[in-house]
Amino acid sequence: MVLEQFAPIGVLLVLAIVVALIVLVISRLFGPYRPTTRKTAPYESGMKPIGPTNRRYPVKFYLIAVMFILFDIEVVFFLPWAVTFRDLGVYGLIAMGIFVIILTIGLIYEWRLGALEWE
């Protein structure tokens, strides 16, 4: 019964994958394919790249990226809560309040560590 509701999504997913594969195969079969060293070289704004292409990034970049993903995913929980807010009542309000307090404590902790400072 429940799976019948998701059947259109499954059909759409399968159709999208099939169309993508067909486009890739047709472009590979009929399109020009003449790789050269110049075509396969890394491109940086029309200039030749300076230095190695796989240089190390600072850890701060990864920290900010992980924090963005973490807070972005946590904010996604606000939508279902807002949709069912009236059905949840006071319990839902208290639960979301605790959730927001935990988020705020985490943000203050990161702020105190200096993780939000960009050099």
Protein backbone atom coordinates (compact mmCIF):
# COMPACT_ATOMS: atom_id res chain seq x y z
CA MET A 1 0.00 0.00 0.00
CA VAL A 2 2.71 2.49 1.00
CA LEU A 3 4.99 1.49 -1.86
CA GLU A 4 2.28 2.36 -4.36
CA GLN A 5 2.56 6.00 -3.29
CA PHE A 6 6.26 6.03 -4.15
CA ALA A 7 5.88 4.27 -7.51
CA PRO A 8 5.81 7.51 -9.56
CA ILE A 9 9.04 8.65 -7.90
CA GLY A 10 10.66 5.32 -8.67
CA VAL A 11 9.53 5.47 -12.30
CA LEU A 12 10.85 9.03 -12.59
CA LEU A 13 14.20 8.01 -11.08
CA VAL A 14 14.57 5.05 -13.45
CA LEU A 15 13.55 7.21 -16.41
CA ALA A 16 16.08 9.90 -15.48
CA ILE A 17 18.89 7.34 -15.21
CA VAL A 18 17.97 5.73 -18.54
CA VAL A 19 17.81 9.09 -20.34
CA ALA A 20 21.18 10.14 -18.85
CA LEU A 21 22.79 6.87 -19.95
CA ILE A 22 21.33 7.16 -23.44
CA VAL A 23 22.64 10.71 -23.81
CA LEU A 24 26.12 9.65 -22.64
CA VAL A 25 26.25 6.66 -24.98
CA ILE A 26 24.99 8.63 -28.02
CA SER A 27 27.44 11.48 -27.41
CA ARG A 28 30.30 9.00 -27.05
CA LEU A 29 29.35 7.10 -30.21
CA PHE A 30 28.61 10.01 -32.53
CA GLY A 31 30.51 12.93 -31.02
CA PRO A 32 34.11 13.84 -31.83
CA TYR A 33 36.69 12.38 -29.48
CA ARG A 34 40.20 13.59 -30.16
CA PRO A 35 42.00 14.16 -26.85
CA THR A 36 45.25 16.09 -26.97
CA THR A 37 47.60 17.20 -24.23
CA ARG A 38 46.31 20.74 -24.54
CA LYS A 39 42.66 19.67 -24.27
CA THR A 40 43.26 17.47 -21.23
CA ALA A 41 45.39 20.04 -19.37
CA PRO A 42 43.92 21.74 -16.28
CA TYR A 43 42.21 25.04 -17.06
CA GLU A 44 42.60 28.08 -14.83
CA SER A 45 41.00 31.19 -16.29
CA GLY A 46 42.79 30.79 -19.59
CA MET A 47 46.23 30.77 -18.00
CA LYS A 48 48.66 27.93 -17.48
CA PRO A 49 48.44 26.68 -13.90
CA ILE A 50 51.25 27.69 -11.57
CA GLY A 51 52.50 25.07 -9.15
CA PRO A 52 51.11 21.62 -8.46
CA THR A 53 47.43 21.05 -9.09
CA ASN A 54 46.92 18.98 -5.95
CA ARG A 55 48.14 21.39 -3.29
CA ARG A 56 47.04 21.03 0.31
CA TYR A 57 44.20 23.15 1.65
CA PRO A 58 44.29 24.56 5.15
CA VAL A 59 42.40 22.61 7.80
CA LYS A 60 40.29 25.73 8.47
CA PHE A 61 38.69 25.31 5.02
CA TYR A 62 37.55 21.79 5.90
CA LEU A 63 36.33 22.90 9.31
CA ILE A 64 34.16 25.64 7.84
CA ALA A 65 32.86 23.28 5.14
CA VAL A 66 31.90 20.65 7.73
CA MET A 67 30.26 23.29 9.93
CA PHE A 68 28.25 24.56 6.96
CA ILE A 69 27.02 21.06 6.13
CA LEU A 70 26.26 20.34 9.78
CA PHE A 71 24.21 23.49 10.38
CA ASP A 72 22.57 23.24 6.95
CA ILE A 73 21.35 19.71 7.64
CA GLU A 74 20.15 20.69 11.10
CA VAL A 75 18.16 23.61 9.70
CA VAL A 76 16.35 21.15 7.41
CA PHE A 77 14.66 19.78 10.54
CA PHE A 78 12.82 23.09 10.98
CA LEU A 79 10.54 22.49 7.97
CA PRO A 80 8.82 19.29 9.16
CA TRP A 81 8.52 20.83 12.61
CA ALA A 82 6.88 23.95 11.19
CA VAL A 83 4.45 21.88 9.12
CA THR A 84 3.31 19.80 12.10
CA PHE A 85 3.68 22.51 14.74
CA ARG A 86 0.01 22.67 15.69
CA ASP A 87 -0.28 18.88 15.99
CA LEU A 88 2.78 18.64 18.24
CA GLY A 89 1.56 21.19 20.75
CA VAL A 90 3.65 22.21 23.74
CA TYR A 91 5.81 19.07 23.54
CA GLY A 92 6.92 20.01 20.02
CA LEU A 93 7.68 23.55 21.10
CA ILE A 94 9.80 22.37 24.01
CA ALA A 95 11.61 19.77 21.87
CA MET A 96 12.44 22.36 19.20
CA GLY A 97 13.48 24.82 21.90
CA ILE A 98 15.98 22.27 23.25
CA PHE A 99 17.18 21.60 19.72
CA VAL A 100 17.72 25.32 19.07
CA ILE A 101 19.53 25.72 22.41
CA ILE A 102 21.89 22.86 21.52
CA LEU A 103 22.52 24.44 18.10
CA THR A 104 23.20 27.81 19.72
CA ILE A 105 25.62 26.27 22.24
CA GLY A 106 27.48 24.57 19.37
CA LEU A 107 27.65 27.81 17.42
CA ILE A 108 28.93 29.75 20.43
CA TYR A 109 31.52 27.03 21.07
CA GLU A 110 32.77 27.26 17.47
CA TRP A 111 32.78 31.05 17.67
CA ARG A 112 34.84 30.97 20.89
CA LEU A 113 37.38 28.61 19.30
CA GLY A 114 37.79 31.09 16.44
CA ALA A 115 36.58 28.65 13.80
CA LEU A 116 34.43 31.36 12.20
CA GLU A 117 37.34 33.73 11.67
CA TRP A 118 38.52 33.81 8.07
CA GLU A 119 42.06 35.01 7.35
